[in-house]
Amino acid sequence: LLSINSTIGGPARSALTANLVPKKLLINAVAANTA
């Protein structure tokens, strides 16, 4: 159940990042996510 749940929520979380920060700062936001 939790494997299904995490993979359904994961793409939304990643895609949402680009909606919240300016394009020029996106790579820094992804870096923060990776950290």
Full PDB file with SEQRES, HELIX, SHEET, SSBOND, CRYST1, ORIGX, SCALE, CONECT and MASTER records, all heavy atoms in Angstrom:
SEQRES   1 A   35  LEU LEU SER ILE ASN SER THR ILE GLY GLY PRO ALA ARG          
SEQRES   2 A   35  SER ALA LEU THR ALA ASN LEU VAL PRO LYS LYS LEU LEU          
SEQRES   3 A   35  ILE ASN ALA VAL ALA ALA ASN THR ALA                          
HELIX    1 AA1 LEU A    2  LEU A   20  1                                  19    
HELIX    2 AA2 LYS A   23  LEU A   25  5                                   3    
HELIX    3 AA3 LEU A   26  THR A   34  1                                   9    
CRYST1    1.000    1.000    1.000  90.00  90.00  90.00 P 1           1          
ORIGX1      1.000000  0.000000  0.000000        0.00000                         
ORIGX2      0.000000  1.000000  0.000000        0.00000                         
ORIGX3      0.000000  0.000000  1.000000        0.00000                         
SCALE1      1.000000  0.000000  0.000000        0.00000                         
SCALE2      0.000000  1.000000  0.000000        0.00000                         
SCALE3      0.000000  0.000000  1.000000        0.00000                         
ATOM      1  N   LEU A   1       0.826  -1.214   0.000  1.00  0.00           N  
ATOM      2  CA  LEU A   1       0.000   0.000   0.000  1.00  0.00           C  
ATOM      3  C   LEU A   1       0.858   1.262   0.000  1.00  0.00           C  
ATOM      4  O   LEU A   1       0.591   2.215  -0.744  1.00  0.00           O  
ATOM      5  CB  LEU A   1      -0.927   0.001   1.213  1.00  0.00           C  
ATOM      6  CG  LEU A   1      -2.036  -1.050   1.233  1.00  0.00           C  
ATOM      7  CD1 LEU A   1      -2.764  -1.032   2.578  1.00  0.00           C  
ATOM      8  CD2 LEU A   1      -3.026  -0.807   0.093  1.00  0.00           C  
ATOM      9  N   LEU A   2       1.897   1.276   0.826  1.00  0.00           N  
ATOM     10  CA  LEU A   2       2.738   2.471   0.935  1.00  0.00           C  
ATOM     11  C   LEU A   2       3.661   2.635  -0.275  1.00  0.00           C  
ATOM     12  O   LEU A   2       4.051   3.759  -0.608  1.00  0.00           O  
ATOM     13  CB  LEU A   2       3.544   2.424   2.234  1.00  0.00           C  
ATOM     14  CG  LEU A   2       2.692   2.584   3.502  1.00  0.00           C  
ATOM     15  CD1 LEU A   2       3.511   2.285   4.746  1.00  0.00           C  
ATOM     16  CD2 LEU A   2       2.097   3.984   3.588  1.00  0.00           C  
ATOM     17  N   SER A   3       3.997   1.530  -0.934  1.00  0.00           N  
ATOM     18  CA  SER A   3       4.780   1.621  -2.171  1.00  0.00           C  
ATOM     19  C   SER A   3       3.954   2.303  -3.262  1.00  0.00           C  
ATOM     20  O   SER A   3       4.452   3.184  -3.978  1.00  0.00           O  
ATOM     21  CB  SER A   3       5.214   0.231  -2.640  1.00  0.00           C  
ATOM     22  OG  SER A   3       6.108  -0.348  -1.716  1.00  0.00           O  
ATOM     23  N   ILE A   4       2.708   1.902  -3.383  1.00  0.00           N  
ATOM     24  CA  ILE A   4       1.800   2.546  -4.339  1.00  0.00           C  
ATOM     25  C   ILE A   4       1.611   4.013  -3.969  1.00  0.00           C  
ATOM     26  O   ILE A   4       1.691   4.910  -4.813  1.00  0.00           O  
ATOM     27  CB  ILE A   4       0.433   1.828  -4.371  1.00  0.00           C  
ATOM     28  CG1 ILE A   4       0.591   0.401  -4.907  1.00  0.00           C  
ATOM     29  CG2 ILE A   4      -0.581   2.609  -5.204  1.00  0.00           C  
ATOM     30  CD1 ILE A   4      -0.641  -0.458  -4.740  1.00  0.00           C  
ATOM     31  N   ASN A   5       1.389   4.257  -2.691  1.00  0.00           N  
ATOM     32  CA  ASN A   5       1.111   5.607  -2.206  1.00  0.00           C  
ATOM     33  C   ASN A   5       2.269   6.572  -2.478  1.00  0.00           C  
ATOM     34  O   ASN A   5       2.072   7.690  -2.960  1.00  0.00           O  
ATOM     35  CB  ASN A   5       0.832   5.547  -0.705  1.00  0.00           C  
ATOM     36  CG  ASN A   5       0.351   6.865  -0.139  1.00  0.00           C  
ATOM     37  OD1 ASN A   5      -0.632   7.426  -0.612  1.00  0.00           O  
ATOM     38  ND2 ASN A   5       1.050   7.366   0.856  1.00  0.00           N  
ATOM     39  N   SER A   6       3.496   6.127  -2.189  1.00  0.00           N  
ATOM     40  CA  SER A   6       4.649   7.015  -2.356  1.00  0.00           C  
ATOM     41  C   SER A   6       4.919   7.329  -3.822  1.00  0.00           C  
ATOM     42  O   SER A   6       5.309   8.448  -4.163  1.00  0.00           O  
ATOM     43  CB  SER A   6       5.896   6.399  -1.711  1.00  0.00           C  
ATOM     44  OG  SER A   6       6.285   5.223  -2.397  1.00  0.00           O  
ATOM     45  N   THR A   7       4.694   6.351  -4.702  1.00  0.00           N  
ATOM     46  CA  THR A   7       4.971   6.581  -6.113  1.00  0.00           C  
ATOM     47  C   THR A   7       3.853   7.362  -6.803  1.00  0.00           C  
ATOM     48  O   THR A   7       4.079   7.952  -7.865  1.00  0.00           O  
ATOM     49  CB  THR A   7       5.203   5.252  -6.861  1.00  0.00           C  
ATOM     50  OG1 THR A   7       4.175   4.320  -6.521  1.00  0.00           O  
ATOM     51  CG2 THR A   7       6.542   4.661  -6.493  1.00  0.00           C  
ATOM     52  N   ILE A   8       2.674   7.399  -6.210  1.00  0.00           N  
ATOM     53  CA  ILE A   8       1.616   8.249  -6.739  1.00  0.00           C  
ATOM     54  C   ILE A   8       1.861   9.705  -6.334  1.00  0.00           C  
ATOM     55  O   ILE A   8       1.667  10.628  -7.117  1.00  0.00           O  
ATOM     56  CB  ILE A   8       0.226   7.768  -6.258  1.00  0.00           C  
ATOM     57  CG1 ILE A   8      -0.193   6.519  -7.057  1.00  0.00           C  
ATOM     58  CG2 ILE A   8      -0.819   8.863  -6.388  1.00  0.00           C  
ATOM     59  CD1 ILE A   8      -1.507   5.926  -6.657  1.00  0.00           C  
ATOM     60  N   GLY A   9       2.348   9.912  -5.119  1.00  0.00           N  
ATOM     61  CA  GLY A   9       2.613  11.268  -4.648  1.00  0.00           C  
ATOM     62  C   GLY A   9       3.922  11.849  -5.150  1.00  0.00           C  
ATOM     63  O   GLY A   9       4.058  13.072  -5.277  1.00  0.00           O  
ATOM     64  N   GLY A  10       4.900  10.991  -5.467  1.00  0.00           N  
ATOM     65  CA  GLY A  10       6.235  11.451  -5.850  1.00  0.00           C  
ATOM     66  C   GLY A  10       6.284  12.351  -7.081  1.00  0.00           C  
ATOM     67  O   GLY A  10       6.873  13.441  -7.043  1.00  0.00           O  
ATOM     68  N   PRO A  11       5.683  11.938  -8.215  1.00  0.00           N  
ATOM     69  CA  PRO A  11       5.714  12.804  -9.407  1.00  0.00           C  
ATOM     70  C   PRO A  11       5.070  14.167  -9.169  1.00  0.00           C  
ATOM     71  O   PRO A  11       5.544  15.179  -9.697  1.00  0.00           O  
ATOM     72  CB  PRO A  11       4.927  11.987 -10.443  1.00  0.00           C  
ATOM     73  CG  PRO A  11       5.105  10.568 -10.019  1.00  0.00           C  
ATOM     74  CD  PRO A  11       5.102  10.613  -8.517  1.00  0.00           C  
ATOM     75  N   ALA A  12       4.002  14.205  -8.381  1.00  0.00           N  
ATOM     76  CA  ALA A  12       3.343  15.481  -8.077  1.00  0.00           C  
ATOM     77  C   ALA A  12       4.282  16.400  -7.313  1.00  0.00           C  
ATOM     78  O   ALA A  12       4.369  17.604  -7.586  1.00  0.00           O  
ATOM     79  CB  ALA A  12       2.071  15.230  -7.268  1.00  0.00           C  
ATOM     80  N   ARG A  13       5.022  15.828  -6.369  1.00  0.00           N  
ATOM     81  CA  ARG A  13       5.959  16.625  -5.567  1.00  0.00           C  
ATOM     82  C   ARG A  13       7.084  17.189  -6.441  1.00  0.00           C  
ATOM     83  O   ARG A  13       7.444  18.363  -6.328  1.00  0.00           O  
ATOM     84  CB  ARG A  13       6.543  15.748  -4.452  1.00  0.00           C  
ATOM     85  CG  ARG A  13       7.336  16.509  -3.406  1.00  0.00           C  
ATOM     86  CD  ARG A  13       7.875  15.556  -2.355  1.00  0.00           C  
ATOM     87  NE  ARG A  13       6.823  14.941  -1.563  1.00  0.00           N  
ATOM     88  CZ  ARG A  13       6.218  15.525  -0.540  1.00  0.00           C  
ATOM     89  NH1 ARG A  13       6.554  16.755  -0.189  1.00  0.00           N  
ATOM     90  NH2 ARG A  13       5.283  14.881   0.140  1.00  0.00           N  
ATOM     91  N   SER A  14       7.634  16.359  -7.318  1.00  0.00           N  
ATOM     92  CA  SER A  14       8.713  16.814  -8.199  1.00  0.00           C  
ATOM     93  C   SER A  14       8.225  17.861  -9.194  1.00  0.00           C  
ATOM     94  O   SER A  14       8.874  18.887  -9.410  1.00  0.00           O  
ATOM     95  CB  SER A  14       9.315  15.627  -8.958  1.00  0.00           C  
ATOM     96  OG  SER A  14       9.921  14.711  -8.068  1.00  0.00           O  
ATOM     97  N   ALA A  15       7.063  17.597  -9.804  1.00  0.00           N  
ATOM     98  CA  ALA A  15       6.533  18.525 -10.804  1.00  0.00           C  
ATOM     99  C   ALA A  15       6.128  19.857 -10.166  1.00  0.00           C  
ATOM    100  O   ALA A  15       6.233  20.912 -10.807  1.00  0.00           O  
ATOM    101  CB  ALA A  15       5.333  17.894 -11.511  1.00  0.00           C  
ATOM    102  N   LEU A  16       5.673  19.824  -8.923  1.00  0.00           N  
ATOM    103  CA  LEU A  16       5.232  21.040  -8.240  1.00  0.00           C  
ATOM    104  C   LEU A  16       6.386  22.014  -8.013  1.00  0.00           C  
ATOM    105  O   LEU A  16       6.187  23.235  -8.015  1.00  0.00           O  
ATOM    106  CB  LEU A  16       4.575  20.677  -6.905  1.00  0.00           C  
ATOM    107  CG  LEU A  16       4.052  21.835  -6.040  1.00  0.00           C  
ATOM    108  CD1 LEU A  16       2.996  22.635  -6.792  1.00  0.00           C  
ATOM    109  CD2 LEU A  16       3.504  21.299  -4.718  1.00  0.00           C  
ATOM    110  N   THR A  17       7.591  21.487  -7.826  1.00  0.00           N  
ATOM    111  CA  THR A  17       8.753  22.350  -7.573  1.00  0.00           C  
ATOM    112  C   THR A  17       8.886  23.424  -8.648  1.00  0.00           C  
ATOM    113  O   THR A  17       9.134  24.590  -8.353  1.00  0.00           O  
ATOM    114  CB  THR A  17      10.045  21.511  -7.504  1.00  0.00           C  
ATOM    115  OG1 THR A  17       9.911  20.510  -6.495  1.00  0.00           O  
ATOM    116  CG2 THR A  17      11.245  22.386  -7.174  1.00  0.00           C  
ATOM    117  N   ALA A  18       8.708  23.016  -9.913  1.00  0.00           N  
ATOM    118  CA  ALA A  18       8.851  23.963 -11.032  1.00  0.00           C  
ATOM    119  C   ALA A  18       7.755  25.017 -11.037  1.00  0.00           C  
ATOM    120  O   ALA A  18       7.910  26.073 -11.662  1.00  0.00           O  
ATOM    121  CB  ALA A  18       8.866  23.207 -12.352  1.00  0.00           C  
ATOM    122  N   ASN A  19       6.628  24.739 -10.372  1.00  0.00           N  
ATOM    123  CA  ASN A  19       5.544  25.714 -10.294  1.00  0.00           C  
ATOM    124  C   ASN A  19       5.780  26.775  -9.228  1.00  0.00           C  
ATOM    125  O   ASN A  19       5.133  27.820  -9.239  1.00  0.00           O  
ATOM    126  CB  ASN A  19       4.209  25.013  -9.978  1.00  0.00           C  
ATOM    127  CG  ASN A  19       3.766  24.071 -11.074  1.00  0.00           C  
ATOM    128  OD1 ASN A  19       3.463  22.919 -10.815  1.00  0.00           O  
ATOM    129  ND2 ASN A  19       3.728  24.547 -12.308  1.00  0.00           N  
ATOM    130  N   LEU A  20       6.693  26.512  -8.307  1.00  0.00           N  
ATOM    131  CA  LEU A  20       6.837  27.378  -7.139  1.00  0.00           C  
ATOM    132  C   LEU A  20       8.038  28.305  -7.188  1.00  0.00           C  
ATOM    133  O   LEU A  20       8.097  29.278  -6.436  1.00  0.00           O  
ATOM    134  CB  LEU A  20       6.920  26.526  -5.863  1.00  0.00           C  
ATOM    135  CG  LEU A  20       5.735  25.607  -5.572  1.00  0.00           C  
ATOM    136  CD1 LEU A  20       5.969  24.854  -4.266  1.00  0.00           C  
ATOM    137  CD2 LEU A  20       4.435  26.381  -5.508  1.00  0.00           C  
ATOM    138  N   VAL A  21       9.019  28.004  -8.036  1.00  0.00           N  
ATOM    139  CA  VAL A  21      10.236  28.832  -8.073  1.00  0.00           C  
ATOM    140  C   VAL A  21      10.474  29.348  -9.494  1.00  0.00           C  
ATOM    141  O   VAL A  21      10.080  28.700 -10.466  1.00  0.00           O  
ATOM    142  CB  VAL A  21      11.481  28.045  -7.589  1.00  0.00           C  
ATOM    143  CG1 VAL A  21      11.304  27.593  -6.153  1.00  0.00           C  
ATOM    144  CG2 VAL A  21      11.762  26.862  -8.492  1.00  0.00           C  
ATOM    145  N   PRO A  22      11.131  30.502  -9.630  1.00  0.00           N  
ATOM    146  CA  PRO A  22      11.465  30.997 -10.970  1.00  0.00           C  
ATOM    147  C   PRO A  22      12.391  30.018 -11.687  1.00  0.00           C  
ATOM    148  O   PRO A  22      13.148  29.279 -11.055  1.00  0.00           O  
ATOM    149  CB  PRO A  22      12.193  32.322 -10.683  1.00  0.00           C  
ATOM    150  CG  PRO A  22      11.800  32.703  -9.304  1.00  0.00           C  
ATOM    151  CD  PRO A  22      11.555  31.431  -8.567  1.00  0.00           C  
ATOM    152  N   LYS A  23      12.338  30.035 -13.008  1.00  0.00           N  
ATOM    153  CA  LYS A  23      13.117  29.103 -13.824  1.00  0.00           C  
ATOM    154  C   LYS A  23      14.607  29.160 -13.492  1.00  0.00           C  
ATOM    155  O   LYS A  23      15.274  28.125 -13.405  1.00  0.00           O  
ATOM    156  CB  LYS A  23      12.887  29.412 -15.298  1.00  0.00           C  
ATOM    157  CG  LYS A  23      13.506  28.415 -16.264  1.00  0.00           C  
ATOM    158  CD  LYS A  23      13.156  28.766 -17.695  1.00  0.00           C  
ATOM    159  CE  LYS A  23      13.773  27.770 -18.672  1.00  0.00           C  
ATOM    160  NZ  LYS A  23      13.446  28.110 -20.083  1.00  0.00           N  
ATOM    161  N   LYS A  24      15.126  30.371 -13.266  1.00  0.00           N  
ATOM    162  CA  LYS A  24      16.568  30.510 -13.029  1.00  0.00           C  
ATOM    163  C   LYS A  24      16.998  29.942 -11.677  1.00  0.00           C  
ATOM    164  O   LYS A  24      18.187  29.696 -11.444  1.00  0.00           O  
ATOM    165  CB  LYS A  24      16.983  31.972 -13.126  1.00  0.00           C  
ATOM    166  CG  LYS A  24      16.439  32.867 -12.022  1.00  0.00           C  
ATOM    167  CD  LYS A  24      16.958  34.286 -12.169  1.00  0.00           C  
ATOM    168  CE  LYS A  24      16.458  35.185 -11.037  1.00  0.00           C  
ATOM    169  NZ  LYS A  24      17.002  36.559 -11.158  1.00  0.00           N  
ATOM    170  N   LEU A  25      16.032  29.710 -10.772  1.00  0.00           N  
ATOM    171  CA  LEU A  25      16.354  29.166  -9.451  1.00  0.00           C  
ATOM    172  C   LEU A  25      15.981  27.690  -9.323  1.00  0.00           C  
ATOM    173  O   LEU A  25      16.196  27.091  -8.268  1.00  0.00           O  
ATOM    174  CB  LEU A  25      15.632  29.961  -8.351  1.00  0.00           C  
ATOM    175  CG  LEU A  25      16.012  31.436  -8.195  1.00  0.00           C  
ATOM    176  CD1 LEU A  25      15.185  32.083  -7.094  1.00  0.00           C  
ATOM    177  CD2 LEU A  25      17.498  31.587  -7.899  1.00  0.00           C  
ATOM    178  N   LEU A  26      15.431  27.106 -10.397  1.00  0.00           N  
ATOM    179  CA  LEU A  26      14.927  25.735 -10.289  1.00  0.00           C  
ATOM    180  C   LEU A  26      16.030  24.744  -9.937  1.00  0.00           C  
ATOM    181  O   LEU A  26      15.832  23.848  -9.114  1.00  0.00           O  
ATOM    182  CB  LEU A  26      14.244  25.314 -11.595  1.00  0.00           C  
ATOM    183  CG  LEU A  26      13.668  23.891 -11.594  1.00  0.00           C  
ATOM    184  CD1 LEU A  26      12.618  23.721 -10.499  1.00  0.00           C  
ATOM    185  CD2 LEU A  26      13.065  23.547 -12.951  1.00  0.00           C  
ATOM    186  N   ILE A  27      17.204  24.888 -10.552  1.00  0.00           N  
ATOM    187  CA  ILE A  27      18.276  23.929 -10.287  1.00  0.00           C  
ATOM    188  C   ILE A  27      18.701  23.973  -8.818  1.00  0.00           C  
ATOM    189  O   ILE A  27      19.048  22.956  -8.218  1.00  0.00           O  
ATOM    190  CB  ILE A  27      19.480  24.156 -11.222  1.00  0.00           C  
ATOM    191  CG1 ILE A  27      20.426  22.943 -11.155  1.00  0.00           C  
ATOM    192  CG2 ILE A  27      20.215  25.438 -10.900  1.00  0.00           C  
ATOM    193  CD1 ILE A  27      21.440  22.916 -12.265  1.00  0.00           C  
ATOM    194  N   ASN A  28      18.625  25.160  -8.196  1.00  0.00           N  
ATOM    195  CA  ASN A  28      18.946  25.275  -6.771  1.00  0.00           C  
ATOM    196  C   ASN A  28      17.875  24.611  -5.913  1.00  0.00           C  
ATOM    197  O   ASN A  28      18.175  24.010  -4.881  1.00  0.00           O  
ATOM    198  CB  ASN A  28      19.105  26.743  -6.382  1.00  0.00           C  
ATOM    199  CG  ASN A  28      20.284  27.397  -7.067  1.00  0.00           C  
ATOM    200  OD1 ASN A  28      21.243  26.717  -7.443  1.00  0.00           O  
ATOM    201  ND2 ASN A  28      20.226  28.695  -7.263  1.00  0.00           N  
ATOM    202  N   ALA A  29      16.627  24.727  -6.350  1.00  0.00           N  
ATOM    203  CA  ALA A  29      15.537  24.072  -5.628  1.00  0.00           C  
ATOM    204  C   ALA A  29      15.674  22.551  -5.706  1.00  0.00           C  
ATOM    205  O   ALA A  29      15.479  21.842  -4.715  1.00  0.00           O  
ATOM    206  CB  ALA A  29      14.193  24.515  -6.198  1.00  0.00           C  
ATOM    207  N   VAL A  30      16.017  22.043  -6.890  1.00  0.00           N  
ATOM    208  CA  VAL A  30      16.232  20.593  -7.057  1.00  0.00           C  
ATOM    209  C   VAL A  30      17.423  20.145  -6.218  1.00  0.00           C  
ATOM    210  O   VAL A  30      17.409  19.059  -5.618  1.00  0.00           O  
ATOM    211  CB  VAL A  30      16.421  20.226  -8.540  1.00  0.00           C  
ATOM    212  CG1 VAL A  30      16.750  18.743  -8.690  1.00  0.00           C  
ATOM    213  CG2 VAL A  30      15.173  20.562  -9.339  1.00  0.00           C  
ATOM    214  N   ALA A  31      18.470  20.987  -6.146  1.00  0.00           N  
ATOM    215  CA  ALA A  31      19.637  20.671  -5.305  1.00  0.00           C  
ATOM    216  C   ALA A  31      19.224  20.562  -3.840  1.00  0.00           C  
ATOM    217  O   ALA A  31      19.667  19.656  -3.126  1.00  0.00           O  
ATOM    218  CB  ALA A  31      20.712  21.745  -5.472  1.00  0.00           C  
ATOM    219  N   ALA A  32      18.379  21.484  -3.389  1.00  0.00           N  
ATOM    220  CA  ALA A  32      17.894  21.433  -2.005  1.00  0.00           C  
ATOM    221  C   ALA A  32      17.067  20.173  -1.774  1.00  0.00           C  
ATOM    222  O   ALA A  32      17.154  19.538  -0.716  1.00  0.00           O  
ATOM    223  CB  ALA A  32      17.070  22.679  -1.687  1.00  0.00           C  
ATOM    224  N   ASN A  33      16.262  19.785  -2.777  1.00  0.00           N  
ATOM    225  CA  ASN A  33      15.460  18.561  -2.661  1.00  0.00           C  
ATOM    226  C   ASN A  33      16.357  17.327  -2.553  1.00  0.00           C  
ATOM    227  O   ASN A  33      16.095  16.412  -1.755  1.00  0.00           O  
ATOM    228  CB  ASN A  33      14.544  18.409  -3.878  1.00  0.00           C  
ATOM    229  CG  ASN A  33      13.485  19.493  -3.952  1.00  0.00           C  
ATOM    230  OD1 ASN A  33      13.253  20.214  -2.981  1.00  0.00           O  
ATOM    231  ND2 ASN A  33      12.852  19.627  -5.100  1.00  0.00           N  
ATOM    232  N   THR A  34      17.425  17.288  -3.368  1.00  0.00           N  
ATOM    233  CA  THR A  34      18.354  16.163  -3.334  1.00  0.00           C  
ATOM    234  C   THR A  34      19.063  16.085  -1.986  1.00  0.00           C  
ATOM    235  O   THR A  34      19.212  14.999  -1.407  1.00  0.00           O  
ATOM    236  CB  THR A  34      19.402  16.298  -4.459  1.00  0.00           C  
ATOM    237  OG1 THR A  34      18.731  16.411  -5.718  1.00  0.00           O  
ATOM    238  CG2 THR A  34      20.325  15.093  -4.500  1.00  0.00           C  
ATOM    239  N   ALA A  35      19.492  17.246  -1.484  1.00  0.00           N  
ATOM    240  CA  ALA A  35      20.142  17.278  -0.174  1.00  0.00           C  
ATOM    241  C   ALA A  35      19.190  16.798   0.917  1.00  0.00           C  
ATOM    242  O   ALA A  35      19.594  16.097   1.853  1.00  0.00           O  
ATOM    243  CB  ALA A  35      20.621  18.697   0.140  1.00  0.00           C  
TER     244      ALA A  35                                                      
MASTER        0    0    0    3    0    0    0    6  243    1    0    3          
END                                                                             
